[in-house]
Amino acid sequence: MKMKYFTTVVIVFLFADTSGLYGQKVQGQLDQIELMKQFLGTWSTDMIRTDTSKLIVVINPYGSAMECSFRLISGGKSMNEGKWLWGYNPEYDKFIAAEIMNSSPELNLFTYEFISKNIAEKVELADVADPDPTLLISRFEFKSPDLIVQTVTRNNKLMNTFTITRVKN
């Protein structure tokens, strides 16, 4: 009897339609992969309001991930450059980003997660691993497809705000 029951369970499991079990979104859950595509393109922002520093960011698809090159320009000269590679982690339903700059051998890791259809949060993984009062969060709010307002907070206190605009080619 036990063997017959076991065999029935195995057969039901093998022939059951389990395709909907994997990758299924909970109703109302945000599609992180689709929402992250809003970042694709070339973006520019003034870094410091008192001078001519600009950050130029170019984000392209890279297979099912995204790659980014960025450059800080001040007075017409390139001051710093770097790369990001963003990949989706289905276990956490977040993007993980690795950042490296030509001015430093350090590799920085971040998570990106949309908390609504037009707001994404970026948290440094060092802060996620040890969330303390110095938690630094960047929030990107898409005001339109061509305009993002980034706010940076530490300890829930506003540190800076940037207006980021899409560069039309």
C-alpha atoms as a PDB file:
ATOM      1  CA  MET A   1       0.000   0.000   0.000  1.00  0.00           C
ATOM      2  CA  LYS A   2       2.805   2.417   0.903  1.00  0.00           C
ATOM      3  CA  MET A   3       4.585   1.707  -2.379  1.00  0.00           C
ATOM      4  CA  LYS A   4       1.384   2.277  -4.398  1.00  0.00           C
ATOM      5  CA  TYR A   5       0.809   5.638  -2.614  1.00  0.00           C
ATOM      6  CA  PHE A   6       4.441   6.673  -3.184  1.00  0.00           C
ATOM      7  CA  THR A   7       4.227   5.757  -6.880  1.00  0.00           C
ATOM      8  CA  THR A   8       1.016   7.770  -7.266  1.00  0.00           C
ATOM      9  CA  VAL A   9       2.605  10.822  -5.642  1.00  0.00           C
ATOM     10  CA  VAL A  10       5.660  10.572  -7.911  1.00  0.00           C
ATOM     11  CA  ILE A  11       3.510  10.226 -11.054  1.00  0.00           C
ATOM     12  CA  VAL A  12       1.311  13.178 -10.078  1.00  0.00           C
ATOM     13  CA  PHE A  13       4.398  15.295  -9.395  1.00  0.00           C
ATOM     14  CA  LEU A  14       6.046  14.353 -12.704  1.00  0.00           C
ATOM     15  CA  PHE A  15       2.985  15.099 -14.801  1.00  0.00           C
ATOM     16  CA  ALA A  16       1.700  18.109 -12.920  1.00  0.00           C
ATOM     17  CA  ASP A  17       2.084  21.437 -14.665  1.00  0.00           C
ATOM     18  CA  THR A  18       4.755  23.065 -12.519  1.00  0.00           C
ATOM     19  CA  SER A  19       5.715  25.697 -15.073  1.00  0.00           C
ATOM     20  CA  GLY A  20       3.819  28.326 -13.123  1.00  0.00           C
ATOM     21  CA  LEU A  21       5.722  27.604  -9.922  1.00  0.00           C
ATOM     22  CA  TYR A  22       9.056  29.018 -10.991  1.00  0.00           C
ATOM     23  CA  GLY A  23       9.539  32.699 -11.591  1.00  0.00           C
ATOM     24  CA  GLN A  24       5.922  33.408 -10.783  1.00  0.00           C
ATOM     25  CA  LYS A  25       5.371  36.876  -9.407  1.00  0.00           C
ATOM     26  CA  VAL A  26       3.270  37.426  -6.347  1.00  0.00           C
ATOM     27  CA  GLN A  27       0.300  39.524  -7.399  1.00  0.00           C
ATOM     28  CA  GLY A  28       1.313  43.165  -7.100  1.00  0.00           C
ATOM     29  CA  GLN A  29       5.053  42.392  -7.010  1.00  0.00           C
ATOM     30  CA  LEU A  30       7.121  44.657  -9.250  1.00  0.00           C
ATOM     31  CA  ASP A  31       8.932  43.258 -12.306  1.00  0.00           C
ATOM     32  CA  GLN A  32      12.461  44.389 -11.410  1.00  0.00           C
ATOM     33  CA  ILE A  33      13.947  43.382 -14.777  1.00  0.00           C
ATOM     34  CA  GLU A  34      11.476  45.410 -16.832  1.00  0.00           C
ATOM     35  CA  LEU A  35      11.639  48.416 -14.523  1.00  0.00           C
ATOM     36  CA  MET A  36      15.459  48.514 -14.578  1.00  0.00           C
ATOM     37  CA  LYS A  37      15.308  48.955 -18.357  1.00  0.00           C
ATOM     38  CA  GLN A  38      14.207  52.537 -17.673  1.00  0.00           C
ATOM     39  CA  PHE A  39      17.862  53.267 -16.852  1.00  0.00           C
ATOM     40  CA  LEU A  40      19.082  52.273 -20.345  1.00  0.00           C
ATOM     41  CA  GLY A  41      20.505  55.170 -22.338  1.00  0.00           C
ATOM     42  CA  THR A  42      22.839  58.114 -21.833  1.00  0.00           C
ATOM     43  CA  TRP A  43      22.332  60.350 -18.801  1.00  0.00           C
ATOM     44  CA  SER A  44      23.934  63.548 -17.524  1.00  0.00           C
ATOM     45  CA  THR A  45      23.914  65.398 -14.217  1.00  0.00           C
ATOM     46  CA  ASP A  46      25.690  68.378 -12.688  1.00  0.00           C
ATOM     47  CA  MET A  47      27.665  67.027  -9.736  1.00  0.00           C
ATOM     48  CA  ILE A  48      28.418  70.287  -7.948  1.00  0.00           C
ATOM     49  CA  ARG A  49      26.228  73.306  -8.496  1.00  0.00           C
ATOM     50  CA  THR A  50      29.106  75.773  -8.038  1.00  0.00           C
ATOM     51  CA  ASP A  51      31.319  74.569 -10.883  1.00  0.00           C
ATOM     52  CA  THR A  52      31.139  72.835 -14.238  1.00  0.00           C
ATOM     53  CA  SER A  53      31.463  69.210 -13.026  1.00  0.00           C
ATOM     54  CA  LYS A  54      29.246  66.808 -14.955  1.00  0.00           C
ATOM     55  CA  LEU A  55      28.726  63.094 -14.636  1.00  0.00           C
ATOM     56  CA  ILE A  56      27.990  61.357 -17.945  1.00  0.00           C
ATOM     57  CA  VAL A  57      26.581  57.832 -17.667  1.00  0.00           C
ATOM     58  CA  VAL A  58      25.999  55.433 -20.582  1.00  0.00           C
ATOM     59  CA  ILE A  59      23.957  52.315 -19.742  1.00  0.00           C
ATOM     60  CA  ASN A  60      23.572  49.520 -22.300  1.00  0.00           C
ATOM     61  CA  PRO A  61      22.029  46.049 -22.269  1.00  0.00           C
ATOM     62  CA  TYR A  62      24.578  43.272 -21.751  1.00  0.00           C
ATOM     63  CA  GLY A  63      22.818  39.997 -22.468  1.00  0.00           C
ATOM     64  CA  SER A  64      20.146  39.807 -19.774  1.00  0.00           C
ATOM     65  CA  ALA A  65      22.142  42.235 -17.604  1.00  0.00           C
ATOM     66  CA  MET A  66      23.296  45.828 -18.079  1.00  0.00           C
ATOM     67  CA  GLU A  67      26.710  47.432 -18.361  1.00  0.00           C
ATOM     68  CA  CYS A  68      27.528  51.021 -17.715  1.00  0.00           C
ATOM     69  CA  SER A  69      30.409  53.389 -18.352  1.00  0.00           C
ATOM     70  CA  PHE A  70      30.595  56.665 -16.504  1.00  0.00           C
ATOM     71  CA  ARG A  71      32.878  59.672 -16.603  1.00  0.00           C
ATOM     72  CA  LEU A  72      33.221  62.688 -14.340  1.00  0.00           C
ATOM     73  CA  ILE A  73      34.174  65.766 -16.337  1.00  0.00           C
ATOM     74  CA  SER A  74      35.316  69.027 -14.769  1.00  0.00           C
ATOM     75  CA  GLY A  75      36.520  72.052 -16.696  1.00  0.00           C
ATOM     76  CA  GLY A  76      36.393  70.036 -19.913  1.00  0.00           C
ATOM     77  CA  LYS A  77      38.787  67.369 -18.545  1.00  0.00           C
ATOM     78  CA  SER A  78      37.988  63.793 -17.569  1.00  0.00           C
ATOM     79  CA  MET A  79      38.611  63.564 -13.806  1.00  0.00           C
ATOM     80  CA  ASN A  80      37.473  60.004 -13.148  1.00  0.00           C
ATOM     81  CA  GLU A  81      36.017  57.088 -15.082  1.00  0.00           C
ATOM     82  CA  GLY A  82      34.480  53.806 -14.147  1.00  0.00           C
ATOM     83  CA  LYS A  83      32.306  50.843 -15.024  1.00  0.00           C
ATOM     84  CA  TRP A  84      29.263  49.193 -13.504  1.00  0.00           C
ATOM     85  CA  LEU A  85      27.891  45.748 -14.271  1.00  0.00           C
ATOM     86  CA  TRP A  86      24.319  45.092 -13.149  1.00  0.00           C
ATOM     87  CA  GLY A  87      22.849  41.597 -12.939  1.00  0.00           C
ATOM     88  CA  TYR A  88      19.524  40.361 -11.608  1.00  0.00           C
ATOM     89  CA  ASN A  89      19.484  38.061  -8.574  1.00  0.00           C
ATOM     90  CA  PRO A  90      16.170  36.137  -8.564  1.00  0.00           C
ATOM     91  CA  GLU A  91      16.674  34.867  -5.010  1.00  0.00           C
ATOM     92  CA  TYR A  92      16.525  38.417  -3.641  1.00  0.00           C
ATOM     93  CA  ASP A  93      14.498  39.919  -6.518  1.00  0.00           C
ATOM     94  CA  LYS A  94      17.070  42.714  -6.781  1.00  0.00           C
ATOM     95  CA  PHE A  95      19.805  43.810  -9.121  1.00  0.00           C
ATOM     96  CA  ILE A  96      23.355  43.514  -7.835  1.00  0.00           C
ATOM     97  CA  ALA A  97      25.811  46.050  -9.253  1.00  0.00           C
ATOM     98  CA  ALA A  98      29.600  45.941  -9.185  1.00  0.00           C
ATOM     99  CA  GLU A  99      31.440  49.240  -9.594  1.00  0.00           C
ATOM    100  CA  ILE A 100      35.098  49.872 -10.299  1.00  0.00           C
ATOM    101  CA  MET A 101      36.822  53.168 -11.059  1.00  0.00           C
ATOM    102  CA  ASN A 102      40.133  53.890 -12.754  1.00  0.00           C
ATOM    103  CA  SER A 103      41.202  55.892  -9.681  1.00  0.00           C
ATOM    104  CA  SER A 104      40.885  52.976  -7.230  1.00  0.00           C
ATOM    105  CA  PRO A 105      41.444  49.209  -7.199  1.00  0.00           C
ATOM    106  CA  GLU A 106      38.432  48.738  -4.879  1.00  0.00           C
ATOM    107  CA  LEU A 107      35.334  46.969  -6.125  1.00  0.00           C
ATOM    108  CA  ASN A 108      32.107  48.378  -4.673  1.00  0.00           C
ATOM    109  CA  LEU A 109      28.884  46.354  -4.610  1.00  0.00           C
ATOM    110  CA  PHE A 110      25.339  47.720  -4.502  1.00  0.00           C
ATOM    111  CA  THR A 111      21.768  46.490  -4.683  1.00  0.00           C
ATOM    112  CA  TYR A 112      19.150  48.204  -6.810  1.00  0.00           C
ATOM    113  CA  GLU A 113      15.477  47.576  -6.201  1.00  0.00           C
ATOM    114  CA  PHE A 114      12.350  49.278  -7.454  1.00  0.00           C
ATOM    115  CA  ILE A 115      10.040  49.982  -4.547  1.00  0.00           C
ATOM    116  CA  SER A 116       7.359  51.400  -6.862  1.00  0.00           C
ATOM    117  CA  LYS A 117       6.982  51.667 -10.629  1.00  0.00           C
ATOM    118  CA  ASN A 118       8.943  54.918 -10.745  1.00  0.00           C
ATOM    119  CA  ILE A 119      11.217  54.784  -7.665  1.00  0.00           C
ATOM    120  CA  ALA A 120      14.378  52.668  -7.313  1.00  0.00           C
ATOM    121  CA  GLU A 121      16.632  52.470  -4.263  1.00  0.00           C
ATOM    122  CA  LYS A 122      20.374  51.824  -4.317  1.00  0.00           C
ATOM    123  CA  VAL A 123      22.080  50.538  -1.157  1.00  0.00           C
ATOM    124  CA  GLU A 124      25.764  49.735  -0.767  1.00  0.00           C
ATOM    125  CA  LEU A 125      26.156  46.053   0.139  1.00  0.00           C
ATOM    126  CA  ALA A 126      28.480  46.935   3.008  1.00  0.00           C
ATOM    127  CA  ASP A 127      25.513  48.780   4.516  1.00  0.00           C
ATOM    128  CA  VAL A 128      23.121  45.900   3.812  1.00  0.00           C
ATOM    129  CA  ALA A 129      25.433  43.405   5.523  1.00  0.00           C
ATOM    130  CA  ASP A 130      25.784  45.609   8.601  1.00  0.00           C
ATOM    131  CA  PRO A 131      22.890  48.052   8.641  1.00  0.00           C
ATOM    132  CA  ASP A 132      23.910  50.708  11.080  1.00  0.00           C
ATOM    133  CA  PRO A 133      22.873  54.322  11.578  1.00  0.00           C
ATOM    134  CA  THR A 134      25.186  55.438   8.764  1.00  0.00           C
ATOM    135  CA  LEU A 135      23.073  53.669   6.137  1.00  0.00           C
ATOM    136  CA  LEU A 136      23.480  55.532   2.841  1.00  0.00           C
ATOM    137  CA  ILE A 137      20.585  55.238   0.406  1.00  0.00           C
ATOM    138  CA  SER A 138      20.264  56.722  -3.063  1.00  0.00           C
ATOM    139  CA  ARG A 139      16.708  57.005  -4.301  1.00  0.00           C
ATOM    140  CA  PHE A 140      16.056  57.460  -8.023  1.00  0.00           C
ATOM    141  CA  GLU A 141      12.622  58.819  -8.897  1.00  0.00           C
ATOM    142  CA  PHE A 142      11.653  58.754 -12.564  1.00  0.00           C
ATOM    143  CA  LYS A 143       9.666  61.959 -13.032  1.00  0.00           C
ATOM    144  CA  SER A 144       9.397  61.144 -16.753  1.00  0.00           C
ATOM    145  CA  PRO A 145      11.206  58.776 -19.142  1.00  0.00           C
ATOM    146  CA  ASP A 146      13.869  61.481 -19.592  1.00  0.00           C
ATOM    147  CA  LEU A 147      14.144  62.906 -16.069  1.00  0.00           C
ATOM    148  CA  ILE A 148      15.295  61.348 -12.788  1.00  0.00           C
ATOM    149  CA  VAL A 149      15.605  63.067  -9.429  1.00  0.00           C
ATOM    150  CA  GLN A 150      18.179  61.337  -7.221  1.00  0.00           C
ATOM    151  CA  THR A 151      18.143  61.954  -3.481  1.00  0.00           C
ATOM    152  CA  VAL A 152      20.942  60.716  -1.245  1.00  0.00           C
ATOM    153  CA  THR A 153      20.229  60.230   2.438  1.00  0.00           C
ATOM    154  CA  ARG A 154      22.275  59.102   5.429  1.00  0.00           C
ATOM    155  CA  ASN A 155      20.550  58.362   8.726  1.00  0.00           C
ATOM    156  CA  ASN A 156      17.325  59.372   6.977  1.00  0.00           C
ATOM    157  CA  LYS A 157      18.749  62.883   6.557  1.00  0.00           C
ATOM    158  CA  LEU A 158      19.008  64.443   3.112  1.00  0.00           C
ATOM    159  CA  MET A 159      22.634  64.716   1.981  1.00  0.00           C
ATOM    160  CA  ASN A 160      22.212  65.785  -1.652  1.00  0.00           C
ATOM    161  CA  THR A 161      19.804  65.963  -4.563  1.00  0.00           C
ATOM    162  CA  PHE A 162      20.697  65.586  -8.244  1.00  0.00           C
ATOM    163  CA  THR A 163      18.624  66.135 -11.373  1.00  0.00           C
ATOM    164  CA  ILE A 164      19.570  63.582 -14.012  1.00  0.00           C
ATOM    165  CA  THR A 165      18.492  64.087 -17.619  1.00  0.00           C
ATOM    166  CA  ARG A 166      18.551  61.754 -20.581  1.00  0.00           C
ATOM    167  CA  VAL A 167      20.937  62.883 -23.312  1.00  0.00           C
ATOM    168  CA  LYS A 168      19.250  62.765 -26.715  1.00  0.00           C
ATOM    169  CA  ASN A 169      21.487  61.458 -29.478  1.00  0.00           C
END
